[in-house]
Protein backbone atom coordinates (compact mmCIF):
# COMPACT_ATOMS: atom_id res chain seq x y z
CA MET A 1 -22.70 -6.05 2.04
CA VAL A 2 -19.88 -7.29 3.69
CA ASP A 3 -19.02 -11.21 3.32
CA PRO A 4 -20.12 -12.66 6.53
CA LEU A 5 -17.66 -15.66 5.90
CA PHE A 6 -14.59 -13.54 5.18
CA ASN A 7 -15.35 -11.89 8.81
CA GLU A 8 -15.89 -15.17 10.22
CA VAL A 9 -12.54 -16.40 8.93
CA ALA A 10 -10.83 -13.05 9.57
CA GLY A 11 -12.24 -12.67 12.93
CA ALA A 12 -11.50 -16.47 13.72
CA LEU A 13 -7.80 -16.48 12.32
CA GLY A 14 -6.46 -12.86 12.77
CA PRO A 15 -5.61 -12.87 16.51
CA LYS A 16 -3.47 -15.92 16.01
CA VAL A 17 -1.03 -14.84 12.91
CA ALA A 18 1.49 -12.58 14.08
CA ARG A 19 1.76 -9.12 11.85
CA ASN A 20 4.05 -7.86 9.50
CA LYS A 21 5.63 -5.01 10.75
CA ASN A 22 8.49 -2.60 9.70
CA ASP A 23 10.22 -3.84 6.83
CA ASP A 24 8.23 -6.71 6.11
CA LEU A 25 5.23 -4.65 5.55
CA LEU A 26 7.12 -2.01 3.61
CA GLY A 27 8.05 -5.15 1.15
CA PHE A 28 4.41 -6.17 0.85
CA GLU A 29 3.62 -2.49 0.08
CA MET A 30 6.45 -2.48 -2.73
CA ASP A 31 5.29 -5.34 -4.19
CA LEU A 32 1.72 -4.45 -4.12
CA GLU A 33 2.16 -1.03 -6.05
CA ALA A 34 4.62 -2.55 -8.55
CA ALA A 35 1.69 -5.33 -9.28
CA LEU A 36 -1.17 -2.52 -9.65
CA ALA A 37 1.40 -0.31 -11.91
CA GLU A 38 0.78 -3.30 -14.22
CA GLU A 39 -3.08 -3.21 -14.38
CA SER A 40 -4.15 -0.48 -17.27
CA VAL A 41 -7.36 -0.24 -15.67
CA ILE A 42 -6.65 0.94 -12.48
CA SER A 43 -4.85 4.35 -11.93
CA GLY A 44 -4.44 6.81 -9.00
CA VAL A 45 -3.05 4.47 -6.39
CA VAL A 46 -2.59 5.67 -2.98
CA ILE A 47 -1.33 3.00 -0.51
CA GLU A 48 -1.04 3.65 3.55
CA ARG A 49 0.81 1.35 5.41
CA SER A 50 0.06 0.80 9.29
CA ASP A 51 2.52 -0.91 11.24
CA ALA A 52 0.20 -0.38 14.07
CA ASP A 53 -2.33 -3.13 12.93
CA SER A 54 -0.46 -4.58 10.10
CA ALA A 55 -2.78 -3.06 7.38
CA ILE A 56 -2.38 -2.03 3.93
CA ARG A 57 -5.04 0.41 2.68
CA VAL A 58 -5.37 1.18 -1.31
CA GLN A 59 -7.41 3.73 -2.76
CA ALA A 60 -7.55 3.88 -6.01
CA GLN A 61 -9.78 5.12 -9.49
CA LEU A 62 -11.16 2.93 -12.49
CA ALA A 63 -9.35 4.07 -15.27
CA ALA A 64 -11.18 5.23 -18.34
CA ALA A 65 -9.59 2.13 -20.24
CA ALA A 66 -11.86 0.08 -18.21
CA GLY A 67 -14.86 -0.94 -20.59
CA THR A 68 -16.60 -3.19 -17.90
CA LEU A 69 -16.41 -4.04 -14.30
CA GLN A 70 -15.44 -7.44 -15.28
CA GLN A 71 -12.07 -6.19 -16.09
CA LEU A 72 -11.72 -4.43 -12.79
CA GLN A 73 -12.39 -7.99 -11.28
CA ASP A 74 -9.82 -9.61 -13.30
CA ALA A 75 -7.20 -6.77 -12.44
CA LEU A 76 -7.94 -7.08 -8.54
CA TYR A 77 -7.33 -10.80 -8.48
CA ARG A 78 -4.41 -11.14 -10.97
CA THR A 79 -2.92 -8.20 -8.55
CA TRP A 80 -3.97 -10.47 -5.45
CA GLN A 81 -2.33 -13.60 -7.08
CA ARG A 82 0.81 -11.80 -7.25
CA VAL A 83 1.62 -10.62 -3.91
CA CYS A 84 -0.53 -12.93 -1.33
CA TYR A 85 1.20 -15.34 0.89
CA HIS A 86 0.36 -18.77 -0.40
CA GLY A 87 0.70 -20.04 2.44
CA PHE A 88 -2.65 -18.85 3.41
CA GLN A 89 -4.66 -16.06 1.85
CA ALA A 90 -8.59 -14.90 2.05
CA THR A 91 -10.50 -12.34 -0.06
CA SER A 92 -13.90 -10.95 -0.32
CA LEU A 93 -14.65 -8.75 -3.33
CA GLU A 94 -17.85 -6.36 -2.60
CA TRP A 95 -19.28 -4.10 -5.04
CA MET A 96 -20.77 -0.57 -3.99
CA PRO A 97 -22.05 1.94 -5.49
CA ASP A 98 -19.25 4.06 -5.38
CA ALA A 99 -16.26 1.78 -5.19
CA ALA A 100 -15.28 -1.93 -5.36
CA GLU A 101 -13.49 -3.29 -2.48
CA LEU A 102 -10.92 -5.94 -2.28
CA ARG A 103 -10.80 -6.84 1.52
CA PHE A 104 -7.59 -9.49 2.29
CA MET A 105 -5.64 -11.56 4.55
CA THR A 106 -2.68 -13.38 3.88
CA ALA A 107 0.28 -15.08 5.69
CA SER A 108 2.92 -17.21 4.72
CA THR A 109 3.63 -18.55 8.61
CA PRO A 110 2.28 -17.88 11.78
CA ASP A 111 4.83 -15.60 12.48
CA LEU A 112 4.10 -13.53 9.21
CA GLY A 113 0.75 -11.87 8.02
CA LEU A 114 -1.14 -8.77 7.37
CA THR A 115 -4.54 -7.70 6.54
CA GLY A 116 -5.85 -5.04 4.13
CA PHE A 117 -8.19 -3.79 1.28
CA ILE A 118 -7.98 -2.50 -2.39
CA ARG A 119 -10.53 0.28 -2.95
CA VAL A 120 -11.37 1.52 -6.48
CA GLY A 121 -13.80 4.00 -7.40
CA GLY A 122 -14.31 7.06 -9.25
CA PRO A 123 -16.35 8.89 -11.95
CA HIS A 124 -15.65 5.90 -14.51
CA TYR A 125 -16.54 3.30 -11.99
CA GLU A 126 -19.79 5.22 -11.02
CA LYS A 127 -20.73 5.35 -14.40
CA LEU A 128 -20.13 1.53 -15.07
CA GLN A 129 -21.90 0.40 -11.96
CA ARG A 130 -24.93 2.78 -12.94
CA LYS A 131 -24.91 0.91 -16.38
CA ARG A 132 -24.16 -2.42 -14.55
CA ARG A 133 -21.58 -3.04 -16.83
């Protein structure tokens, strides 16, 4: 289930924050790629950047090195803390049968912000999700 509070915050603040474009968005993408590369439980990362709506969309796989879904949660939040703008940030983590999705919104100033998600799934994720680990 999508977090209604996150949707409310994103809906209220989203239109008020100017969105990253071009080099700013590319810089965030590069930082995010580097941060995800440090996490042994996340693999197969594919990042899509959309200048049109200032969004970053990440698809990845849960690596076999993960013994629990808690390790994935920890990795996602560590990654997020490395890359978010500390002026403002909001996240929502949703656990679905086929993937976990960290939705985010962040801004350093009213002139610089973005939204997106990191979605991690795959066969190992589904196996751990079925076992409720």
